[in-house]
Amino acid sequence: MKYGNVPEEEALKFVTINPAKQLRIDKFVGSLEPGKDADFVLWSKSPLDSTTVCLETWIDGKKYFDAEKSHERSKSLQEEREKLLAKAKKVAGVTKPEDTSKSAKEAFFNLPYELQYEREDRHCDSGI
């Protein structure tokens, strides 16, 4: 869109209906129409905007992600993580408090990357 001076609607077709036509499956997917299989995402702004945020993801008519409920889910995942870590540490025989240096064992128990920056606005030039 930016470098090819293509209208937004045409740019969206590059990743939706056009590939479906090339694969000859456009009768089933590629656009939102009655009778077609539809997996889709609701965005906060244009999906071509680099600052847009996913609000909802739907697959086969079932909501798989909802940004409003994401915090609750993350909290429950964090609780599950803590329980699993406690079990893993018990099995591994780790009973003393971990020191602050980054040994291989400690690196294993770090917070998963996808949760490290939850609820933070990140930009490609921020160094994160």
N, C-alpha and C. Protein backbone atom coordinates (compact mmCIF):
# COMPACT_ATOMS: atom_id res chain seq x y z
N MET A 1 0.83 -1.17 0.00
CA MET A 1 0.00 0.00 0.00
C MET A 1 0.88 1.25 0.00
N LYS A 2 1.88 1.23 0.87
CA LYS A 2 2.73 2.40 1.04
C LYS A 2 3.59 2.67 -0.19
N TYR A 3 4.27 1.64 -0.67
CA TYR A 3 5.22 1.84 -1.76
C TYR A 3 4.61 1.62 -3.15
N GLY A 4 3.53 0.85 -3.21
CA GLY A 4 2.92 0.57 -4.50
C GLY A 4 1.77 1.48 -4.85
N ASN A 5 1.44 2.40 -3.95
CA ASN A 5 0.33 3.33 -4.15
C ASN A 5 -0.96 2.58 -4.48
N VAL A 6 -1.20 1.51 -3.70
CA VAL A 6 -2.38 0.66 -3.90
C VAL A 6 -3.44 1.08 -2.89
N PRO A 7 -4.69 1.19 -3.30
CA PRO A 7 -5.75 1.51 -2.34
C PRO A 7 -5.86 0.43 -1.26
N GLU A 8 -6.31 0.83 -0.08
CA GLU A 8 -6.40 -0.09 1.06
C GLU A 8 -7.23 -1.33 0.74
N GLU A 9 -8.34 -1.15 0.06
CA GLU A 9 -9.21 -2.30 -0.27
C GLU A 9 -8.48 -3.31 -1.15
N GLU A 10 -7.71 -2.83 -2.11
CA GLU A 10 -6.94 -3.73 -2.97
C GLU A 10 -5.83 -4.43 -2.18
N ALA A 11 -5.20 -3.71 -1.27
CA ALA A 11 -4.14 -4.31 -0.45
C ALA A 11 -4.71 -5.44 0.40
N LEU A 12 -5.91 -5.27 0.94
CA LEU A 12 -6.54 -6.35 1.71
C LEU A 12 -6.84 -7.57 0.85
N LYS A 13 -7.19 -7.33 -0.38
CA LYS A 13 -7.45 -8.45 -1.30
C LYS A 13 -6.18 -9.27 -1.55
N PHE A 14 -5.00 -8.63 -1.44
CA PHE A 14 -3.74 -9.35 -1.62
C PHE A 14 -3.60 -10.49 -0.63
N VAL A 15 -4.22 -10.39 0.54
CA VAL A 15 -4.07 -11.42 1.57
C VAL A 15 -5.39 -12.13 1.89
N THR A 16 -6.43 -11.87 1.12
CA THR A 16 -7.72 -12.53 1.39
C THR A 16 -8.24 -13.24 0.15
N ILE A 17 -8.98 -12.55 -0.69
CA ILE A 17 -9.64 -13.19 -1.82
C ILE A 17 -8.68 -13.59 -2.94
N ASN A 18 -7.63 -12.80 -3.19
CA ASN A 18 -6.72 -13.14 -4.29
C ASN A 18 -6.01 -14.48 -4.10
N PRO A 19 -5.44 -14.76 -2.91
CA PRO A 19 -4.84 -16.09 -2.73
C PRO A 19 -5.87 -17.22 -2.84
N ALA A 20 -7.09 -16.96 -2.37
CA ALA A 20 -8.14 -17.97 -2.46
C ALA A 20 -8.46 -18.26 -3.93
N LYS A 21 -8.48 -17.22 -4.75
CA LYS A 21 -8.72 -17.42 -6.19
C LYS A 21 -7.58 -18.22 -6.81
N GLN A 22 -6.33 -17.89 -6.45
CA GLN A 22 -5.18 -18.61 -7.00
C GLN A 22 -5.22 -20.09 -6.63
N LEU A 23 -5.70 -20.39 -5.42
CA LEU A 23 -5.80 -21.78 -4.98
C LEU A 23 -7.10 -22.44 -5.41
N ARG A 24 -7.95 -21.67 -6.09
CA ARG A 24 -9.27 -22.14 -6.56
C ARG A 24 -10.17 -22.62 -5.42
N ILE A 25 -10.09 -21.90 -4.29
CA ILE A 25 -10.95 -22.22 -3.16
C ILE A 25 -11.79 -21.00 -2.76
N ASP A 26 -11.89 -20.04 -3.68
CA ASP A 26 -12.62 -18.82 -3.39
C ASP A 26 -14.13 -19.04 -3.23
N LYS A 27 -14.63 -20.21 -3.60
CA LYS A 27 -16.05 -20.54 -3.35
C LYS A 27 -16.28 -20.78 -1.85
N PHE A 28 -15.20 -21.11 -1.15
CA PHE A 28 -15.32 -21.48 0.26
C PHE A 28 -14.75 -20.43 1.22
N VAL A 29 -13.69 -19.75 0.82
CA VAL A 29 -13.00 -18.80 1.71
C VAL A 29 -12.54 -17.57 0.93
N GLY A 30 -11.99 -16.60 1.66
CA GLY A 30 -11.39 -15.44 1.01
C GLY A 30 -12.19 -14.16 1.17
N SER A 31 -13.45 -14.29 1.54
CA SER A 31 -14.29 -13.11 1.77
C SER A 31 -15.40 -13.52 2.73
N LEU A 32 -16.00 -12.52 3.36
CA LEU A 32 -17.11 -12.78 4.29
C LEU A 32 -18.43 -12.72 3.53
N GLU A 33 -18.96 -13.89 3.22
CA GLU A 33 -20.23 -13.99 2.49
C GLU A 33 -21.02 -15.16 3.06
N PRO A 34 -22.35 -15.09 2.98
CA PRO A 34 -23.15 -16.23 3.44
C PRO A 34 -22.76 -17.52 2.71
N GLY A 35 -22.61 -18.59 3.48
CA GLY A 35 -22.28 -19.89 2.92
C GLY A 35 -20.80 -20.21 2.85
N LYS A 36 -19.94 -19.21 3.10
CA LYS A 36 -18.50 -19.45 3.08
C LYS A 36 -18.00 -19.74 4.48
N ASP A 37 -16.89 -20.51 4.55
CA ASP A 37 -16.21 -20.73 5.83
C ASP A 37 -15.49 -19.42 6.17
N ALA A 38 -15.63 -18.99 7.41
CA ALA A 38 -15.04 -17.69 7.74
C ALA A 38 -14.28 -17.76 9.06
N ASP A 39 -13.01 -17.56 8.98
CA ASP A 39 -12.18 -17.29 10.15
C ASP A 39 -11.83 -15.81 10.00
N PHE A 40 -12.06 -15.04 11.04
CA PHE A 40 -11.80 -13.61 10.89
C PHE A 40 -11.38 -12.98 12.21
N VAL A 41 -10.84 -11.78 12.08
CA VAL A 41 -10.32 -11.03 13.22
C VAL A 41 -10.95 -9.66 13.22
N LEU A 42 -11.33 -9.17 14.39
CA LEU A 42 -11.81 -7.79 14.54
C LEU A 42 -10.64 -6.97 15.08
N TRP A 43 -10.34 -5.88 14.40
CA TRP A 43 -9.20 -5.03 14.75
C TRP A 43 -9.67 -3.71 15.32
N SER A 44 -8.82 -3.04 16.09
CA SER A 44 -9.15 -1.75 16.67
C SER A 44 -9.13 -0.64 15.62
N LYS A 45 -8.34 -0.81 14.57
CA LYS A 45 -8.24 0.13 13.46
C LYS A 45 -8.09 -0.69 12.19
N SER A 46 -7.64 -0.06 11.15
CA SER A 46 -7.38 -0.77 9.90
C SER A 46 -6.35 -1.87 10.15
N PRO A 47 -6.56 -3.08 9.63
CA PRO A 47 -5.58 -4.15 9.83
C PRO A 47 -4.24 -3.85 9.17
N LEU A 48 -4.19 -2.87 8.30
CA LEU A 48 -2.94 -2.50 7.65
C LEU A 48 -2.16 -1.44 8.43
N ASP A 49 -2.74 -0.96 9.51
CA ASP A 49 -2.08 0.02 10.37
C ASP A 49 -1.18 -0.73 11.35
N SER A 50 0.07 -0.31 11.47
CA SER A 50 1.02 -1.03 12.33
C SER A 50 0.71 -0.89 13.82
N THR A 51 -0.16 0.04 14.19
CA THR A 51 -0.49 0.23 15.61
C THR A 51 -1.83 -0.41 15.99
N THR A 52 -2.44 -1.12 15.08
CA THR A 52 -3.73 -1.74 15.38
C THR A 52 -3.57 -2.88 16.37
N VAL A 53 -4.64 -3.19 17.09
CA VAL A 53 -4.63 -4.23 18.09
C VAL A 53 -5.77 -5.20 17.79
N CYS A 54 -5.51 -6.49 17.94
CA CYS A 54 -6.55 -7.50 17.74
C CYS A 54 -7.53 -7.43 18.91
N LEU A 55 -8.82 -7.29 18.60
CA LEU A 55 -9.86 -7.25 19.62
C LEU A 55 -10.51 -8.62 19.81
N GLU A 56 -10.77 -9.31 18.70
CA GLU A 56 -11.39 -10.65 18.76
C GLU A 56 -10.89 -11.48 17.59
N THR A 57 -10.79 -12.79 17.81
CA THR A 57 -10.46 -13.74 16.75
C THR A 57 -11.52 -14.83 16.76
N TRP A 58 -12.10 -15.08 15.60
CA TRP A 58 -13.16 -16.08 15.43
C TRP A 58 -12.70 -17.15 14.44
N ILE A 59 -12.87 -18.42 14.80
CA ILE A 59 -12.52 -19.54 13.94
C ILE A 59 -13.70 -20.51 13.93
N ASP A 60 -14.18 -20.84 12.75
CA ASP A 60 -15.33 -21.74 12.59
C ASP A 60 -16.50 -21.31 13.46
N GLY A 61 -16.76 -20.01 13.53
CA GLY A 61 -17.91 -19.51 14.27
C GLY A 61 -17.73 -19.49 15.77
N LYS A 62 -16.52 -19.79 16.27
CA LYS A 62 -16.27 -19.82 17.71
C LYS A 62 -15.22 -18.77 18.06
N LYS A 63 -15.49 -17.99 19.10
CA LYS A 63 -14.56 -16.96 19.52
C LYS A 63 -13.39 -17.61 20.26
N TYR A 64 -12.18 -17.43 19.72
CA TYR A 64 -10.98 -17.99 20.33
C TYR A 64 -10.20 -16.98 21.13
N PHE A 65 -10.38 -15.70 20.84
CA PHE A 65 -9.66 -14.66 21.57
C PHE A 65 -10.57 -13.45 21.73
N ASP A 66 -10.55 -12.88 22.92
CA ASP A 66 -11.28 -11.65 23.21
C ASP A 66 -10.36 -10.78 24.07
N ALA A 67 -10.00 -9.62 23.56
CA ALA A 67 -9.05 -8.75 24.27
C ALA A 67 -9.58 -8.35 25.64
N GLU A 68 -10.89 -8.20 25.77
CA GLU A 68 -11.47 -7.82 27.06
C GLU A 68 -11.27 -8.90 28.11
N LYS A 69 -11.24 -10.16 27.69
CA LYS A 69 -11.08 -11.27 28.62
C LYS A 69 -9.64 -11.75 28.71
N SER A 70 -8.76 -11.14 27.92
CA SER A 70 -7.37 -11.57 27.87
C SER A 70 -6.68 -11.44 29.22
N HIS A 71 -6.97 -10.37 29.96
CA HIS A 71 -6.32 -10.16 31.25
C HIS A 71 -6.70 -11.27 32.23
N GLU A 72 -7.99 -11.65 32.26
CA GLU A 72 -8.43 -12.75 33.13
C GLU A 72 -7.71 -14.04 32.77
N ARG A 73 -7.62 -14.30 31.48
CA ARG A 73 -6.97 -15.53 31.01
C ARG A 73 -5.49 -15.52 31.39
N SER A 74 -4.85 -14.38 31.22
CA SER A 74 -3.43 -14.27 31.57
C SER A 74 -3.22 -14.50 33.05
N LYS A 75 -4.14 -13.98 33.86
CA LYS A 75 -4.04 -14.17 35.31
C LYS A 75 -4.16 -15.65 35.65
N SER A 76 -5.11 -16.33 35.03
CA SER A 76 -5.29 -17.75 35.29
C SER A 76 -4.09 -18.55 34.78
N LEU A 77 -3.52 -18.16 33.64
CA LEU A 77 -2.32 -18.83 33.13
C LEU A 77 -1.14 -18.60 34.07
N GLN A 78 -1.05 -17.39 34.64
CA GLN A 78 0.04 -17.10 35.58
C GLN A 78 -0.08 -17.97 36.83
N GLU A 79 -1.31 -18.13 37.32
CA GLU A 79 -1.53 -18.99 38.50
C GLU A 79 -1.16 -20.43 38.18
N GLU A 80 -1.59 -20.90 37.00
CA GLU A 80 -1.24 -22.26 36.58
C GLU A 80 0.27 -22.41 36.46
N ARG A 81 0.93 -21.39 35.91
CA ARG A 81 2.38 -21.40 35.75
C ARG A 81 3.07 -21.52 37.11
N GLU A 82 2.60 -20.74 38.08
CA GLU A 82 3.20 -20.78 39.42
C GLU A 82 3.08 -22.18 40.03
N LYS A 83 1.91 -22.81 39.88
CA LYS A 83 1.71 -24.16 40.42
C LYS A 83 2.65 -25.16 39.73
N LEU A 84 2.75 -25.06 38.40
CA LEU A 84 3.63 -25.98 37.67
C LEU A 84 5.10 -25.75 38.02
N LEU A 85 5.48 -24.48 38.20
CA LEU A 85 6.86 -24.19 38.60
C LEU A 85 7.17 -24.78 39.97
N ALA A 86 6.22 -24.66 40.89
CA ALA A 86 6.42 -25.22 42.23
C ALA A 86 6.63 -26.73 42.14
N LYS A 87 5.81 -27.38 41.31
CA LYS A 87 5.95 -28.84 41.12
C LYS A 87 7.31 -29.17 40.50
N ALA A 88 7.68 -28.43 39.45
CA ALA A 88 8.94 -28.69 38.76
C ALA A 88 10.12 -28.48 39.69
N LYS A 89 10.07 -27.43 40.49
CA LYS A 89 11.15 -27.15 41.43
C LYS A 89 11.24 -28.24 42.49
N LYS A 90 10.08 -28.75 42.93
CA LYS A 90 10.07 -29.82 43.92
C LYS A 90 10.72 -31.08 43.34
N VAL A 91 10.34 -31.42 42.11
CA VAL A 91 10.89 -32.61 41.45
C VAL A 91 12.39 -32.43 41.19
N ALA A 92 12.79 -31.20 40.82
CA ALA A 92 14.20 -30.94 40.52
C ALA A 92 15.03 -30.78 41.78
N GLY A 93 14.40 -30.72 42.94
CA GLY A 93 15.13 -30.58 44.19
C GLY A 93 15.59 -29.16 44.47
N VAL A 94 14.95 -28.20 43.85
CA VAL A 94 15.31 -26.80 44.09
C VAL A 94 14.53 -26.32 45.29
N THR A 95 15.22 -26.19 46.42
CA THR A 95 14.53 -25.77 47.63
C THR A 95 15.02 -24.42 48.14
N LYS A 96 16.24 -24.05 47.79
CA LYS A 96 16.76 -22.76 48.26
C LYS A 96 16.28 -21.63 47.35
N PRO A 97 16.23 -20.42 47.85
CA PRO A 97 15.82 -19.29 47.00
C PRO A 97 16.80 -19.12 45.85
N GLU A 98 16.25 -18.77 44.70
CA GLU A 98 17.10 -18.59 43.52
C GLU A 98 17.89 -17.30 43.67
N ASP A 99 19.18 -17.33 43.27
CA ASP A 99 19.93 -16.08 43.30
C ASP A 99 19.63 -15.30 42.01
N THR A 100 20.10 -14.06 41.96
CA THR A 100 19.71 -13.18 40.86
C THR A 100 20.52 -13.38 39.60
N SER A 101 21.59 -14.18 39.62
CA SER A 101 22.34 -14.42 38.39
C SER A 101 21.55 -15.33 37.47
N LYS A 102 21.87 -15.26 36.19
CA LYS A 102 21.11 -16.00 35.19
C LYS A 102 21.79 -17.32 34.84
N SER A 103 21.62 -18.32 35.68
CA SER A 103 22.13 -19.64 35.35
C SER A 103 21.13 -20.30 34.40
N ALA A 104 21.51 -21.41 33.82
CA ALA A 104 20.63 -22.11 32.89
C ALA A 104 19.35 -22.55 33.59
N LYS A 105 19.49 -23.02 34.83
CA LYS A 105 18.31 -23.48 35.57
C LYS A 105 17.35 -22.32 35.82
N GLU A 106 17.89 -21.15 36.20
CA GLU A 106 17.04 -20.00 36.48
C GLU A 106 16.40 -19.46 35.20
N ALA A 107 17.14 -19.48 34.11
CA ALA A 107 16.60 -19.00 32.84
C ALA A 107 15.39 -19.84 32.43
N PHE A 108 15.42 -21.13 32.78
CA PHE A 108 14.31 -22.02 32.46
C PHE A 108 13.03 -21.57 33.15
N PHE A 109 13.16 -21.04 34.36
CA PHE A 109 11.98 -20.66 35.14
C PHE A 109 11.54 -19.22 34.91
N ASN A 110 12.08 -18.54 33.93
CA ASN A 110 11.67 -17.17 33.62
C ASN A 110 10.26 -17.12 33.06
N LEU A 111 9.66 -15.96 33.14
CA LEU A 111 8.33 -15.73 32.58
C LEU A 111 8.37 -15.92 31.07
N PRO A 112 7.40 -16.62 30.50
CA PRO A 112 7.37 -16.81 29.04
C PRO A 112 7.36 -15.47 28.32
N TYR A 113 8.02 -15.41 27.18
CA TYR A 113 8.15 -14.17 26.43
C TYR A 113 6.81 -13.53 26.11
N GLU A 114 5.81 -14.35 25.75
CA GLU A 114 4.52 -13.77 25.36
C GLU A 114 3.81 -13.07 26.51
N LEU A 115 4.23 -13.32 27.75
CA LEU A 115 3.59 -12.66 28.89
C LEU A 115 4.46 -11.56 29.49
N GLN A 116 5.71 -11.44 29.07
CA GLN A 116 6.62 -10.48 29.68
C GLN A 116 6.16 -9.04 29.53
N TYR A 117 5.59 -8.69 28.40
CA TYR A 117 5.23 -7.31 28.14
C TYR A 117 3.71 -7.14 27.99
N GLU A 118 2.96 -7.98 28.67
CA GLU A 118 1.51 -7.92 28.57
C GLU A 118 1.00 -6.55 29.02
N ARG A 119 0.04 -6.07 28.28
CA ARG A 119 -0.62 -4.78 28.56
C ARG A 119 0.33 -3.59 28.44
N GLU A 120 1.42 -3.74 27.70
CA GLU A 120 2.34 -2.63 27.46
C GLU A 120 2.34 -2.32 25.98
N ASP A 121 2.30 -1.04 25.64
CA ASP A 121 2.45 -0.64 24.25
C ASP A 121 3.91 -0.79 23.88
N ARG A 122 4.18 -1.53 22.82
CA ARG A 122 5.55 -1.71 22.38
C ARG A 122 5.67 -1.22 20.94
N HIS A 123 6.78 -0.65 20.62
CA HIS A 123 7.02 -0.19 19.26
C HIS A 123 8.37 -0.71 18.82
N CYS A 124 8.53 -0.87 17.51
CA CYS A 124 9.75 -1.48 17.00
C CYS A 124 10.99 -0.67 17.33
N ASP A 125 10.87 0.61 17.60
CA ASP A 125 12.04 1.41 17.91
C ASP A 125 12.27 1.61 19.41
N SER A 126 11.51 0.88 20.25
CA SER A 126 11.63 1.07 21.69
C SER A 126 12.77 0.26 22.32
N GLY A 127 13.36 -0.65 21.56
CA GLY A 127 14.47 -1.43 22.08
C GLY A 127 14.04 -2.63 22.90
N ILE A 128 12.76 -2.93 22.94
CA ILE A 128 12.27 -4.09 23.69
C ILE A 128 12.40 -5.31 22.83
